[in-house]
Amino acid sequence: MPQIRLPLSGHATQFKKPRGLLGRLVLRRMNSHHSGLTDWGLAQVSIEKDFTILDVGCGGGRTLSKLVSAATEGKVYGVDYSEASVAASKRMNARAIELGRVDVRLGSVSQLPFPDSMFDLVTAVETHFWWPDLPHDLRQVFRVVKPAGRFIIIAEVYKGANTAMAKLCEQQAPRTGMTLLTVDEHRDLLTHAGFSDVRLIVDEHKGWISAIGKR
């Protein structure tokens, strides 16, 4: 596919909420670009074959396909507030949806359309820095995690990382609306939402971060 070169500040809305033809191209690029990051992050958690899993901000659907391959006897749900993302996720996981293994819904992290204590695992890949109200939204995530279940944030950038991407994102944050957190602020965010046994894993060379909490 053609390389997509977007000025971060000028096209931030397409990363935050993809739409239209450009949004479809961005989602395709995200599926490819974030695959290695997603594999790295998911390797930090145990996924049992019968897990019920939610991917918040499911984007182009690549993470859903990875999760359904891991939870071979479980079910994976995706939610995104972008209609383009929901459509892309459904296209990528069409067979799994047909088999009843995947369910993709339009909705917001601020009001998750799921009952309390439903999920063994909730994932958020390259999305939490766009959420409108992080403290409130983390409490929504906490609500839908089962007792002893886990939540994991996976991101390729965090505040204070010594990478060109992190420095650019920090510089442009006032214009893009991204909420960038330090390692310690990620820990505090999960702790204040009610999660325990919070762990932070960082790849300093790449600037990647994973934050994991247990309900």
N, C-alpha and C. Protein backbone atom coordinates (compact mmCIF):
# COMPACT_ATOMS: atom_id res chain seq x y z
N MET A 1 0.84 -1.19 0.00
CA MET A 1 0.00 0.00 0.00
C MET A 1 0.88 1.24 0.00
N PRO A 2 0.39 2.40 -0.47
CA PRO A 2 1.21 3.60 -0.49
C PRO A 2 1.49 4.09 0.91
N GLN A 3 2.66 4.67 1.07
CA GLN A 3 3.05 5.22 2.36
C GLN A 3 2.19 6.43 2.69
N ILE A 4 1.71 6.52 3.92
CA ILE A 4 0.90 7.65 4.35
C ILE A 4 1.76 8.57 5.19
N ARG A 5 1.89 9.80 4.76
CA ARG A 5 2.68 10.77 5.50
C ARG A 5 1.76 11.92 5.90
N LEU A 6 1.39 11.94 7.15
CA LEU A 6 0.46 12.95 7.63
C LEU A 6 1.12 13.82 8.68
N PRO A 7 1.04 15.14 8.56
CA PRO A 7 1.51 16.00 9.64
C PRO A 7 0.70 15.70 10.89
N LEU A 8 1.40 15.45 12.00
CA LEU A 8 0.71 15.01 13.21
C LEU A 8 -0.36 15.98 13.64
N SER A 9 -0.02 17.28 13.68
CA SER A 9 -0.98 18.26 14.16
C SER A 9 -2.12 18.47 13.18
N GLY A 10 -1.83 18.43 11.88
CA GLY A 10 -2.84 18.74 10.88
C GLY A 10 -3.88 17.66 10.70
N HIS A 11 -3.52 16.41 10.97
CA HIS A 11 -4.44 15.31 10.72
C HIS A 11 -4.68 14.47 11.96
N ALA A 12 -4.50 15.06 13.12
CA ALA A 12 -4.68 14.31 14.36
C ALA A 12 -6.07 13.73 14.49
N THR A 13 -7.06 14.42 13.95
CA THR A 13 -8.43 13.92 14.09
C THR A 13 -8.62 12.59 13.38
N GLN A 14 -7.83 12.32 12.34
CA GLN A 14 -7.95 11.04 11.65
C GLN A 14 -7.39 9.89 12.49
N PHE A 15 -6.40 10.19 13.31
CA PHE A 15 -5.88 9.17 14.22
C PHE A 15 -6.82 9.00 15.42
N LYS A 16 -7.42 10.09 15.83
CA LYS A 16 -8.33 10.05 16.97
C LYS A 16 -9.66 9.40 16.60
N LYS A 17 -10.20 9.80 15.44
CA LYS A 17 -11.49 9.27 14.99
C LYS A 17 -11.49 9.19 13.47
N PRO A 18 -10.98 8.08 12.92
CA PRO A 18 -10.90 7.95 11.46
C PRO A 18 -12.27 8.06 10.80
N ARG A 19 -12.28 8.69 9.62
CA ARG A 19 -13.53 8.80 8.88
C ARG A 19 -13.20 9.03 7.40
N GLY A 20 -14.12 8.63 6.55
CA GLY A 20 -13.96 8.83 5.12
C GLY A 20 -12.85 7.99 4.52
N LEU A 21 -12.51 8.31 3.27
CA LEU A 21 -11.49 7.57 2.55
C LEU A 21 -10.13 7.67 3.24
N LEU A 22 -9.77 8.88 3.67
CA LEU A 22 -8.49 9.05 4.36
C LEU A 22 -8.46 8.23 5.64
N GLY A 23 -9.58 8.19 6.35
CA GLY A 23 -9.65 7.39 7.56
C GLY A 23 -9.43 5.91 7.28
N ARG A 24 -9.96 5.42 6.17
CA ARG A 24 -9.75 4.01 5.82
C ARG A 24 -8.28 3.72 5.54
N LEU A 25 -7.61 4.66 4.88
CA LEU A 25 -6.18 4.48 4.63
C LEU A 25 -5.38 4.51 5.93
N VAL A 26 -5.76 5.41 6.83
CA VAL A 26 -5.09 5.49 8.13
C VAL A 26 -5.26 4.19 8.90
N LEU A 27 -6.46 3.62 8.89
CA LEU A 27 -6.72 2.38 9.60
C LEU A 27 -5.90 1.22 9.03
N ARG A 28 -5.77 1.17 7.73
CA ARG A 28 -4.94 0.14 7.12
C ARG A 28 -3.49 0.29 7.55
N ARG A 29 -3.03 1.53 7.60
CA ARG A 29 -1.66 1.79 8.02
C ARG A 29 -1.47 1.42 9.49
N MET A 30 -2.45 1.72 10.32
CA MET A 30 -2.37 1.38 11.74
C MET A 30 -2.27 -0.13 11.93
N ASN A 31 -3.08 -0.88 11.19
CA ASN A 31 -3.05 -2.34 11.32
C ASN A 31 -1.65 -2.88 11.07
N SER A 32 -0.99 -2.34 10.07
CA SER A 32 0.36 -2.79 9.73
C SER A 32 1.40 -2.27 10.72
N HIS A 33 1.35 -0.97 10.99
CA HIS A 33 2.39 -0.32 11.79
C HIS A 33 2.38 -0.77 13.25
N HIS A 34 1.21 -1.06 13.79
CA HIS A 34 1.09 -1.36 15.22
C HIS A 34 1.14 -2.86 15.52
N SER A 35 1.32 -3.69 14.51
CA SER A 35 1.27 -5.13 14.74
C SER A 35 2.37 -5.61 15.69
N GLY A 36 3.61 -5.16 15.47
CA GLY A 36 4.71 -5.57 16.33
C GLY A 36 4.54 -5.07 17.75
N LEU A 37 4.10 -3.83 17.89
CA LEU A 37 3.82 -3.26 19.21
C LEU A 37 2.77 -4.08 19.93
N THR A 38 1.70 -4.44 19.23
CA THR A 38 0.62 -5.22 19.84
C THR A 38 1.12 -6.58 20.30
N ASP A 39 1.91 -7.25 19.47
CA ASP A 39 2.47 -8.55 19.87
C ASP A 39 3.31 -8.41 21.13
N TRP A 40 4.14 -7.38 21.18
CA TRP A 40 4.99 -7.14 22.35
C TRP A 40 4.14 -6.94 23.60
N GLY A 41 3.09 -6.13 23.49
CA GLY A 41 2.25 -5.86 24.65
C GLY A 41 1.47 -7.07 25.11
N LEU A 42 0.85 -7.77 24.17
CA LEU A 42 0.03 -8.93 24.54
C LEU A 42 0.86 -10.05 25.14
N ALA A 43 2.16 -10.09 24.83
CA ALA A 43 3.03 -11.09 25.42
C ALA A 43 3.21 -10.89 26.92
N GLN A 44 2.80 -9.72 27.44
CA GLN A 44 2.95 -9.41 28.86
C GLN A 44 1.81 -9.97 29.71
N VAL A 45 0.74 -10.46 29.06
CA VAL A 45 -0.41 -10.97 29.80
C VAL A 45 -0.71 -12.41 29.38
N SER A 46 -1.30 -13.14 30.30
CA SER A 46 -1.72 -14.52 30.02
C SER A 46 -3.14 -14.49 29.44
N ILE A 47 -3.33 -15.14 28.31
CA ILE A 47 -4.65 -15.21 27.69
C ILE A 47 -5.08 -16.66 27.64
N GLU A 48 -6.10 -17.00 28.42
CA GLU A 48 -6.61 -18.37 28.46
C GLU A 48 -7.53 -18.61 27.27
N LYS A 49 -7.66 -19.88 26.90
CA LYS A 49 -8.40 -20.21 25.69
C LYS A 49 -9.88 -19.87 25.76
N ASP A 50 -10.43 -19.79 26.99
CA ASP A 50 -11.86 -19.53 27.13
C ASP A 50 -12.17 -18.10 27.58
N PHE A 51 -11.21 -17.21 27.46
CA PHE A 51 -11.40 -15.82 27.92
C PHE A 51 -12.47 -15.10 27.11
N THR A 52 -13.17 -14.20 27.81
CA THR A 52 -14.01 -13.20 27.17
C THR A 52 -13.23 -11.89 27.23
N ILE A 53 -12.98 -11.27 26.07
CA ILE A 53 -12.04 -10.16 25.97
C ILE A 53 -12.70 -8.98 25.27
N LEU A 54 -12.34 -7.78 25.71
CA LEU A 54 -12.79 -6.54 25.07
C LEU A 54 -11.57 -5.75 24.62
N ASP A 55 -11.60 -5.30 23.37
CA ASP A 55 -10.58 -4.36 22.87
C ASP A 55 -11.25 -3.00 22.70
N VAL A 56 -10.82 -2.04 23.52
CA VAL A 56 -11.40 -0.69 23.49
C VAL A 56 -10.64 0.15 22.47
N GLY A 57 -11.36 0.77 21.56
CA GLY A 57 -10.71 1.50 20.48
C GLY A 57 -10.12 0.53 19.48
N CYS A 58 -10.98 -0.34 18.92
CA CYS A 58 -10.49 -1.48 18.14
C CYS A 58 -9.94 -1.10 16.78
N GLY A 59 -10.14 0.14 16.35
CA GLY A 59 -9.50 0.64 15.13
C GLY A 59 -9.76 -0.24 13.92
N GLY A 60 -8.67 -0.66 13.26
CA GLY A 60 -8.82 -1.44 12.04
C GLY A 60 -9.05 -2.91 12.25
N GLY A 61 -9.03 -3.39 13.50
CA GLY A 61 -9.42 -4.76 13.80
C GLY A 61 -8.30 -5.77 13.89
N ARG A 62 -7.03 -5.35 13.71
CA ARG A 62 -5.94 -6.32 13.77
C ARG A 62 -5.79 -6.92 15.17
N THR A 63 -5.95 -6.10 16.21
CA THR A 63 -5.83 -6.63 17.57
C THR A 63 -6.92 -7.65 17.85
N LEU A 64 -8.12 -7.42 17.36
CA LEU A 64 -9.21 -8.38 17.54
C LEU A 64 -8.82 -9.74 16.95
N SER A 65 -8.22 -9.73 15.76
CA SER A 65 -7.84 -10.99 15.13
C SER A 65 -6.76 -11.71 15.93
N LYS A 66 -5.84 -10.96 16.52
CA LYS A 66 -4.81 -11.57 17.36
C LYS A 66 -5.43 -12.17 18.62
N LEU A 67 -6.36 -11.45 19.21
CA LEU A 67 -6.98 -11.92 20.45
C LEU A 67 -7.83 -13.16 20.22
N VAL A 68 -8.57 -13.20 19.12
CA VAL A 68 -9.42 -14.36 18.87
C VAL A 68 -8.58 -15.59 18.54
N SER A 69 -7.38 -15.37 18.00
CA SER A 69 -6.47 -16.50 17.76
C SER A 69 -5.91 -17.06 19.07
N ALA A 70 -5.78 -16.18 20.07
CA ALA A 70 -5.26 -16.61 21.37
C ALA A 70 -6.35 -17.27 22.22
N ALA A 71 -7.53 -16.66 22.26
CA ALA A 71 -8.65 -17.19 23.04
C ALA A 71 -9.47 -18.11 22.13
N THR A 72 -8.97 -19.30 21.88
CA THR A 72 -9.51 -20.17 20.84
C THR A 72 -10.92 -20.69 21.14
N GLU A 73 -11.31 -20.67 22.41
CA GLU A 73 -12.65 -21.13 22.77
C GLU A 73 -13.45 -20.01 23.45
N GLY A 74 -12.94 -18.79 23.37
CA GLY A 74 -13.59 -17.66 24.01
C GLY A 74 -14.31 -16.78 23.01
N LYS A 75 -14.55 -15.54 23.43
CA LYS A 75 -15.20 -14.58 22.54
C LYS A 75 -14.54 -13.22 22.74
N VAL A 76 -14.38 -12.49 21.64
CA VAL A 76 -13.70 -11.20 21.65
C VAL A 76 -14.66 -10.12 21.17
N TYR A 77 -14.73 -9.05 21.93
CA TYR A 77 -15.57 -7.90 21.59
C TYR A 77 -14.67 -6.71 21.25
N GLY A 78 -15.13 -5.91 20.32
CA GLY A 78 -14.45 -4.66 20.01
C GLY A 78 -15.43 -3.51 20.10
N VAL A 79 -14.95 -2.36 20.55
CA VAL A 79 -15.78 -1.17 20.59
C VAL A 79 -14.96 0.01 20.10
N ASP A 80 -15.59 0.88 19.31
CA ASP A 80 -14.93 2.08 18.82
C ASP A 80 -16.02 3.11 18.52
N TYR A 81 -15.67 4.39 18.72
CA TYR A 81 -16.67 5.42 18.46
C TYR A 81 -16.58 5.98 17.04
N SER A 82 -15.69 5.42 16.24
CA SER A 82 -15.58 5.78 14.83
C SER A 82 -16.31 4.75 13.98
N GLU A 83 -17.27 5.21 13.19
CA GLU A 83 -18.00 4.30 12.31
C GLU A 83 -17.06 3.64 11.30
N ALA A 84 -16.04 4.38 10.84
CA ALA A 84 -15.08 3.82 9.90
C ALA A 84 -14.28 2.70 10.55
N SER A 85 -13.93 2.87 11.82
CA SER A 85 -13.19 1.84 12.54
C SER A 85 -14.03 0.59 12.74
N VAL A 86 -15.28 0.77 13.11
CA VAL A 86 -16.18 -0.37 13.30
C VAL A 86 -16.31 -1.14 11.99
N ALA A 87 -16.49 -0.41 10.89
CA ALA A 87 -16.63 -1.07 9.59
C ALA A 87 -15.35 -1.82 9.21
N ALA A 88 -14.19 -1.20 9.45
CA ALA A 88 -12.92 -1.85 9.12
C ALA A 88 -12.70 -3.09 9.97
N SER A 89 -13.02 -3.00 11.26
CA SER A 89 -12.87 -4.16 12.15
C SER A 89 -13.77 -5.30 11.73
N LYS A 90 -14.97 -4.96 11.29
CA LYS A 90 -15.89 -6.00 10.84
C LYS A 90 -15.40 -6.66 9.56
N ARG A 91 -14.83 -5.86 8.66
CA ARG A 91 -14.30 -6.45 7.43
C ARG A 91 -13.15 -7.40 7.73
N MET A 92 -12.23 -6.97 8.59
CA MET A 92 -11.05 -7.79 8.88
C MET A 92 -11.43 -9.08 9.60
N ASN A 93 -12.49 -9.06 10.39
CA ASN A 93 -12.86 -10.22 11.22
C ASN A 93 -14.18 -10.83 10.78
N ALA A 94 -14.49 -10.70 9.50
CA ALA A 94 -15.79 -11.13 9.00
C ALA A 94 -16.07 -12.60 9.29
N ARG A 95 -15.08 -13.45 9.08
CA ARG A 95 -15.29 -14.88 9.30
C ARG A 95 -15.52 -15.18 10.78
N ALA A 96 -14.73 -14.56 11.66
CA ALA A 96 -14.89 -14.78 13.09
C ALA A 96 -16.24 -14.26 13.59
N ILE A 97 -16.71 -13.17 13.00
CA ILE A 97 -18.03 -12.64 13.35
C ILE A 97 -19.11 -13.64 12.92
N GLU A 98 -18.94 -14.17 11.73
CA GLU A 98 -19.91 -15.16 11.22
C GLU A 98 -19.99 -16.38 12.12
N LEU A 99 -18.85 -16.75 12.71
CA LEU A 99 -18.79 -17.91 13.60
C LEU A 99 -19.21 -17.59 15.03
N GLY A 100 -19.51 -16.32 15.31
CA GLY A 100 -19.91 -15.92 16.65
C GLY A 100 -18.75 -15.73 17.61
N ARG A 101 -17.53 -15.63 17.08
CA ARG A 101 -16.35 -15.49 17.91
C ARG A 101 -15.99 -14.04 18.19
N VAL A 102 -16.44 -13.12 17.34
CA VAL A 102 -16.13 -11.70 17.46
C VAL A 102 -17.42 -10.90 17.35
N ASP A 103 -17.50 -9.83 18.15
CA ASP A 103 -18.65 -8.92 18.15
C ASP A 103 -18.09 -7.50 18.21
N VAL A 104 -18.37 -6.70 17.19
CA VAL A 104 -17.85 -5.33 17.12
C VAL A 104 -19.01 -4.35 17.23
N ARG A 105 -18.86 -3.36 18.13
CA ARG A 105 -19.94 -2.43 18.38
C ARG A 105 -19.47 -0.98 18.31
N LEU A 106 -20.37 -0.11 17.89
CA LEU A 106 -20.13 1.32 17.92
C LEU A 106 -20.45 1.83 19.32
N GLY A 107 -19.50 2.51 19.96
CA GLY A 107 -19.73 3.00 21.31
C GLY A 107 -18.51 3.74 21.82
N SER A 108 -18.68 4.37 22.98
CA SER A 108 -17.63 5.19 23.57
C SER A 108 -17.08 4.56 24.84
N VAL A 109 -15.78 4.73 25.06
CA VAL A 109 -15.17 4.27 26.30
C VAL A 109 -15.78 4.98 27.50
N SER A 110 -16.33 6.16 27.29
CA SER A 110 -16.91 6.92 28.40
C SER A 110 -18.24 6.33 28.87
N GLN A 111 -18.83 5.47 28.05
CA GLN A 111 -20.09 4.79 28.42
C GLN A 111 -20.11 3.44 27.72
N LEU A 112 -19.32 2.52 28.20
CA LEU A 112 -19.16 1.23 27.54
C LEU A 112 -20.49 0.46 27.52
N PRO A 113 -20.87 -0.06 26.37
CA PRO A 113 -22.18 -0.73 26.23
C PRO A 113 -22.14 -2.20 26.65
N PHE A 114 -21.63 -2.43 27.87
CA PHE A 114 -21.50 -3.79 28.38
C PHE A 114 -21.84 -3.81 29.86
N PRO A 115 -22.32 -4.95 30.38
CA PRO A 115 -22.64 -5.05 31.81
C PRO A 115 -21.39 -5.10 32.67
N ASP A 116 -21.58 -4.93 33.97
CA ASP A 116 -20.49 -5.01 34.92
C ASP A 116 -19.84 -6.40 34.90
N SER A 117 -18.54 -6.42 35.18
CA SER A 117 -17.80 -7.67 35.43
C SER A 117 -17.97 -8.70 34.32
N MET A 118 -17.83 -8.27 33.08
CA MET A 118 -18.07 -9.15 31.93
C MET A 118 -16.79 -9.77 31.37
N PHE A 119 -15.65 -9.08 31.51
CA PHE A 119 -14.47 -9.46 30.73
C PHE A 119 -13.31 -9.96 31.60
N ASP A 120 -12.67 -11.03 31.12
CA ASP A 120 -11.46 -11.53 31.75
C ASP A 120 -10.27 -10.60 31.46
N LEU A 121 -10.30 -9.97 30.30
CA LEU A 121 -9.22 -9.10 29.87
C LEU A 121 -9.79 -7.97 29.03
N VAL A 122 -9.31 -6.75 29.29
CA VAL A 122 -9.63 -5.59 28.45
C VAL A 122 -8.31 -5.03 27.94
N THR A 123 -8.24 -4.76 26.64
CA THR A 123 -7.04 -4.21 26.03
C THR A 123 -7.33 -2.83 25.46
N ALA A 124 -6.29 -1.99 25.43
CA ALA A 124 -6.38 -0.66 24.83
C ALA A 124 -5.05 -0.40 24.14
N VAL A 125 -5.04 -0.53 22.83
CA VAL A 125 -3.81 -0.41 22.05
C VAL A 125 -3.80 0.90 21.28
N GLU A 126 -2.84 1.75 21.59
CA GLU A 126 -2.68 3.03 20.89
C GLU A 126 -3.96 3.85 20.88
N THR A 127 -4.61 3.96 22.03
CA THR A 127 -5.89 4.67 22.04
C THR A 127 -6.10 5.53 23.28
N HIS A 128 -5.54 5.16 24.43
CA HIS A 128 -5.94 5.83 25.67
C HIS A 128 -5.59 7.32 25.68
N PHE A 129 -4.56 7.73 24.94
CA PHE A 129 -4.20 9.15 24.95
C PHE A 129 -5.19 10.02 24.19
N TRP A 130 -6.17 9.40 23.53
CA TRP A 130 -7.23 10.15 22.87
C TRP A 130 -8.53 10.16 23.68
N TRP A 131 -8.61 9.41 24.77
CA TRP A 131 -9.86 9.32 25.52
C TRP A 131 -10.22 10.68 26.12
N PRO A 132 -11.51 11.02 26.14
CA PRO A 132 -11.91 12.38 26.55
C PRO A 132 -11.71 12.69 28.02
N ASP A 133 -11.83 11.70 28.90
CA ASP A 133 -11.72 11.94 30.34
C ASP A 133 -11.08 10.70 30.96
N LEU A 134 -9.76 10.67 30.98
CA LEU A 134 -9.05 9.45 31.38
C LEU A 134 -9.48 8.90 32.74
N PRO A 135 -9.55 9.70 33.81
CA PRO A 135 -9.96 9.13 35.10
C PRO A 135 -11.34 8.48 35.04
N HIS A 136 -12.30 9.17 34.44
CA HIS A 136 -13.66 8.62 34.32
C HIS A 136 -13.67 7.39 33.42
N ASP A 137 -12.96 7.47 32.30
CA ASP A 137 -12.98 6.38 31.34
C ASP A 137 -12.31 5.12 31.90
N LEU A 138 -11.26 5.31 32.71
CA LEU A 138 -10.63 4.15 33.35
C LEU A 138 -11.58 3.49 34.35
N ARG A 139 -12.41 4.27 35.00
CA ARG A 139 -13.39 3.69 35.92
C ARG A 139 -14.44 2.89 35.14
N GLN A 140 -14.78 3.34 33.93
CA GLN A 140 -15.68 2.57 33.08
C GLN A 140 -15.05 1.22 32.72
N VAL A 141 -13.77 1.24 32.38
CA VAL A 141 -13.07 0.00 32.08
C VAL A 141 -13.06 -0.91 33.31
N PHE A 142 -12.73 -0.34 34.46
CA PHE A 142 -12.71 -1.11 35.71
C PHE A 142 -14.05 -1.78 35.95
N ARG A 143 -15.13 -1.08 35.65
CA ARG A 143 -16.49 -1.60 35.87
C ARG A 143 -16.74 -2.89 35.10
N VAL A 144 -16.23 -2.98 33.86
CA VAL A 144 -16.58 -4.13 33.03
C VAL A 144 -15.59 -5.29 33.16
N VAL A 145 -14.49 -5.10 33.91
CA VAL A 145 -13.53 -6.18 34.13
C VAL A 145 -14.03 -7.10 35.24
N LYS A 146 -13.89 -8.40 35.06
CA LYS A 146 -14.26 -9.35 36.09
C LYS A 146 -13.33 -9.22 37.30
N PRO A 147 -13.81 -9.59 38.49
CA PRO A 147 -12.89 -9.72 39.62
C PRO A 147 -11.74 -10.65 39.26
N ALA A 148 -10.51 -10.20 39.53
CA ALA A 148 -9.27 -10.91 39.18
C ALA A 148 -8.93 -10.81 37.70
N GLY A 149 -9.78 -10.13 36.91
CA GLY A 149 -9.46 -9.89 35.51
C GLY A 149 -8.43 -8.79 35.37
N ARG A 150 -7.96 -8.58 34.14
CA ARG A 150 -6.89 -7.62 33.92
C ARG A 150 -7.20 -6.64 32.80
N PHE A 151 -6.56 -5.49 32.90
CA PHE A 151 -6.63 -4.44 31.89
C PHE A 151 -5.22 -4.09 31.47
N ILE A 152 -5.00 -3.94 30.17
CA ILE A 152 -3.67 -3.60 29.68
C ILE A 152 -3.74 -2.46 28.68
N ILE A 153 -2.92 -1.45 28.91
CA ILE A 153 -2.68 -0.36 27.97
C ILE A 153 -1.39 -0.69 27.21
N ILE A 154 -1.42 -0.54 25.91
CA ILE A 154 -0.23 -0.75 25.07
C ILE A 154 -0.09 0.48 24.18
N ALA A 155 1.07 1.12 24.22
CA ALA A 155 1.26 2.34 23.42
C ALA A 155 2.71 2.48 22.98
N GLU A 156 2.90 3.12 21.83
CA GLU A 156 4.24 3.30 21.29
C GLU A 156 4.86 4.63 21.69
N VAL A 157 4.20 5.35 22.59
CA VAL A 157 4.74 6.64 23.01
C VAL A 157 4.26 6.95 24.42
N TYR A 158 5.13 7.56 25.21
CA TYR A 158 4.76 8.05 26.53
C TYR A 158 5.59 9.29 26.85
N LYS A 159 5.10 10.08 27.76
CA LYS A 159 5.77 11.33 28.10
C LYS A 159 7.11 11.05 28.76
N GLY A 160 8.15 11.69 28.24
CA GLY A 160 9.47 11.51 28.81
C GLY A 160 10.32 10.48 28.11
N ALA A 161 9.74 9.76 27.14
CA ALA A 161 10.52 8.78 26.38
C ALA A 161 11.54 9.51 25.50
N ASN A 162 12.70 8.93 25.37
CA ASN A 162 13.78 9.56 24.62
C ASN A 162 13.78 9.08 23.17
N THR A 163 12.65 9.32 22.48
CA THR A 163 12.54 8.96 21.07
C THR A 163 12.02 10.16 20.30
N ALA A 164 12.29 10.16 18.99
CA ALA A 164 11.83 11.27 18.16
C ALA A 164 10.30 11.36 18.16
N MET A 165 9.63 10.21 18.13
CA MET A 165 8.17 10.20 18.12
C MET A 165 7.61 10.81 19.40
N ALA A 166 8.18 10.41 20.55
CA ALA A 166 7.70 10.95 21.82
C ALA A 166 7.90 12.45 21.90
N LYS A 167 9.04 12.92 21.46
CA LYS A 167 9.33 14.35 21.52
C LYS A 167 8.40 15.13 20.60
N LEU A 168 8.11 14.58 19.41
CA LEU A 168 7.18 15.23 18.49
C LEU A 168 5.78 15.28 19.08
N CYS A 169 5.33 14.16 19.66
CA CYS A 169 3.99 14.12 20.24
C CYS A 169 3.86 15.09 21.41
N GLU A 170 4.89 15.18 22.24
CA GLU A 170 4.86 16.13 23.35
C GLU A 170 4.79 17.57 22.84
N GLN A 171 5.56 17.85 21.81
CA GLN A 171 5.58 19.19 21.25
C GLN A 171 4.23 19.59 20.67
N GLN A 172 3.57 18.63 20.01
CA GLN A 172 2.32 18.90 19.31
C GLN A 172 1.08 18.67 20.17
N ALA A 173 1.26 18.15 21.39
CA ALA A 173 0.10 17.78 22.22
C ALA A 173 -0.92 18.90 22.41
N PRO A 174 -0.50 20.17 22.64
CA PRO A 174 -1.50 21.22 22.79
C PRO A 174 -2.38 21.41 21.56
N ARG A 175 -1.85 21.05 20.38
CA ARG A 175 -2.61 21.21 19.14
C ARG A 175 -3.40 19.96 18.78
N THR A 176 -2.87 18.79 19.12
CA THR A 176 -3.54 17.54 18.74
C THR A 176 -4.58 17.09 19.77
N GLY A 177 -4.40 17.51 21.02
CA GLY A 177 -5.31 17.06 22.08
C GLY A 177 -4.90 15.76 22.71
N MET A 178 -3.73 15.22 22.37
CA MET A 178 -3.25 13.99 23.00
C MET A 178 -2.95 14.23 24.47
N THR A 179 -3.30 13.26 25.31
CA THR A 179 -2.94 13.28 26.72
C THR A 179 -1.80 12.30 26.93
N LEU A 180 -0.58 12.83 27.05
CA LEU A 180 0.60 11.99 27.24
C LEU A 180 0.94 11.90 28.71
N LEU A 181 1.23 10.70 29.18
CA LEU A 181 1.52 10.46 30.59
C LEU A 181 2.93 9.90 30.74
N THR A 182 3.56 10.23 31.86
CA THR A 182 4.83 9.61 32.21
C THR A 182 4.58 8.18 32.69
N VAL A 183 5.65 7.44 32.91
CA VAL A 183 5.52 6.08 33.44
C VAL A 183 4.78 6.11 34.78
N ASP A 184 5.20 6.99 35.67
CA ASP A 184 4.56 7.07 36.99
C ASP A 184 3.11 7.51 36.89
N GLU A 185 2.80 8.39 35.96
CA GLU A 185 1.40 8.83 35.79
C GLU A 185 0.52 7.70 35.27
N HIS A 186 1.08 6.81 34.45
CA HIS A 186 0.32 5.62 34.05
C HIS A 186 -0.01 4.75 35.26
N ARG A 187 0.97 4.56 36.13
CA ARG A 187 0.75 3.76 37.34
C ARG A 187 -0.34 4.40 38.21
N ASP A 188 -0.24 5.71 38.41
CA ASP A 188 -1.23 6.41 39.23
C ASP A 188 -2.62 6.33 38.62
N LEU A 189 -2.70 6.42 37.28
CA LEU A 189 -4.00 6.38 36.60
C LEU A 189 -4.72 5.07 36.89
N LEU A 190 -4.02 3.96 36.74
CA LEU A 190 -4.64 2.65 36.98
C LEU A 190 -4.95 2.44 38.46
N THR A 191 -4.05 2.89 39.32
CA THR A 191 -4.26 2.72 40.76
C THR A 191 -5.49 3.49 41.22
N HIS A 192 -5.61 4.73 40.79
CA HIS A 192 -6.74 5.56 41.21
C HIS A 192 -8.07 5.06 40.65
N ALA A 193 -8.03 4.33 39.53
CA ALA A 193 -9.26 3.75 38.97
C ALA A 193 -9.71 2.53 39.75
N GLY A 194 -8.82 1.99 40.60
CA GLY A 194 -9.18 0.84 41.43
C GLY A 194 -8.38 -0.42 41.14
N PHE A 195 -7.51 -0.38 40.14
CA PHE A 195 -6.73 -1.57 39.80
C PHE A 195 -5.61 -1.79 40.81
N SER A 196 -5.28 -3.06 41.03
CA SER A 196 -4.19 -3.43 41.94
C SER A 196 -3.11 -4.16 41.15
N ASP A 197 -2.01 -4.49 41.85
CA ASP A 197 -0.89 -5.21 41.21
C ASP A 197 -0.50 -4.56 39.89
N VAL A 198 -0.44 -3.23 39.88
CA VAL A 198 -0.15 -2.50 38.64
C VAL A 198 1.32 -2.70 38.25
N ARG A 199 1.54 -3.07 37.00
CA ARG A 199 2.89 -3.28 36.48
C ARG A 199 3.11 -2.39 35.26
N LEU A 200 4.29 -1.83 35.15
CA LEU A 200 4.67 -1.03 33.99
C LEU A 200 5.86 -1.69 33.31
N ILE A 201 5.73 -1.94 32.03
CA ILE A 201 6.83 -2.50 31.24
C ILE A 201 7.17 -1.48 30.17
N VAL A 202 8.44 -1.14 30.06
CA VAL A 202 8.88 -0.11 29.13
C VAL A 202 10.03 -0.64 28.26
N ASP A 203 9.95 -0.38 26.97
CA ASP A 203 11.07 -0.60 26.07
C ASP A 203 11.65 0.79 25.78
N GLU A 204 12.68 1.16 26.50
CA GLU A 204 13.21 2.51 26.41
C GLU A 204 13.79 2.81 25.03
N HIS A 205 14.34 1.82 24.38
CA HIS A 205 14.92 2.04 23.06
C HIS A 205 13.86 2.42 22.04
N LYS A 206 12.71 1.74 22.08
CA LYS A 206 11.63 2.02 21.13
C LYS A 206 10.64 3.06 21.64
N GLY A 207 10.65 3.30 22.95
CA GLY A 207 9.70 4.24 23.51
C GLY A 207 8.33 3.63 23.75
N TRP A 208 8.26 2.30 23.80
CA TRP A 208 6.98 1.62 24.01
C TRP A 208 6.70 1.48 25.49
N ILE A 209 5.40 1.43 25.81
CA ILE A 209 4.98 1.25 27.20
C ILE A 209 3.78 0.32 27.28
N SER A 210 3.75 -0.48 28.34
CA SER A 210 2.62 -1.32 28.64
C SER A 210 2.29 -1.15 30.11
N ALA A 211 1.03 -0.88 30.43
CA ALA A 211 0.58 -0.72 31.80
C ALA A 211 -0.51 -1.75 32.06
N ILE A 212 -0.32 -2.56 33.09
CA ILE A 212 -1.22 -3.68 33.38
C ILE A 212 -1.74 -3.56 34.80
N GLY A 213 -3.04 -3.71 34.95
CA GLY A 213 -3.64 -3.70 36.29
C GLY A 213 -4.62 -4.83 36.46
N LYS A 214 -4.80 -5.26 37.71
CA LYS A 214 -5.71 -6.36 38.06
C LYS A 214 -6.86 -5.81 38.89
N ARG A 215 -8.06 -6.27 38.57
CA ARG A 215 -9.20 -5.86 39.38
C ARG A 215 -9.28 -6.73 40.63
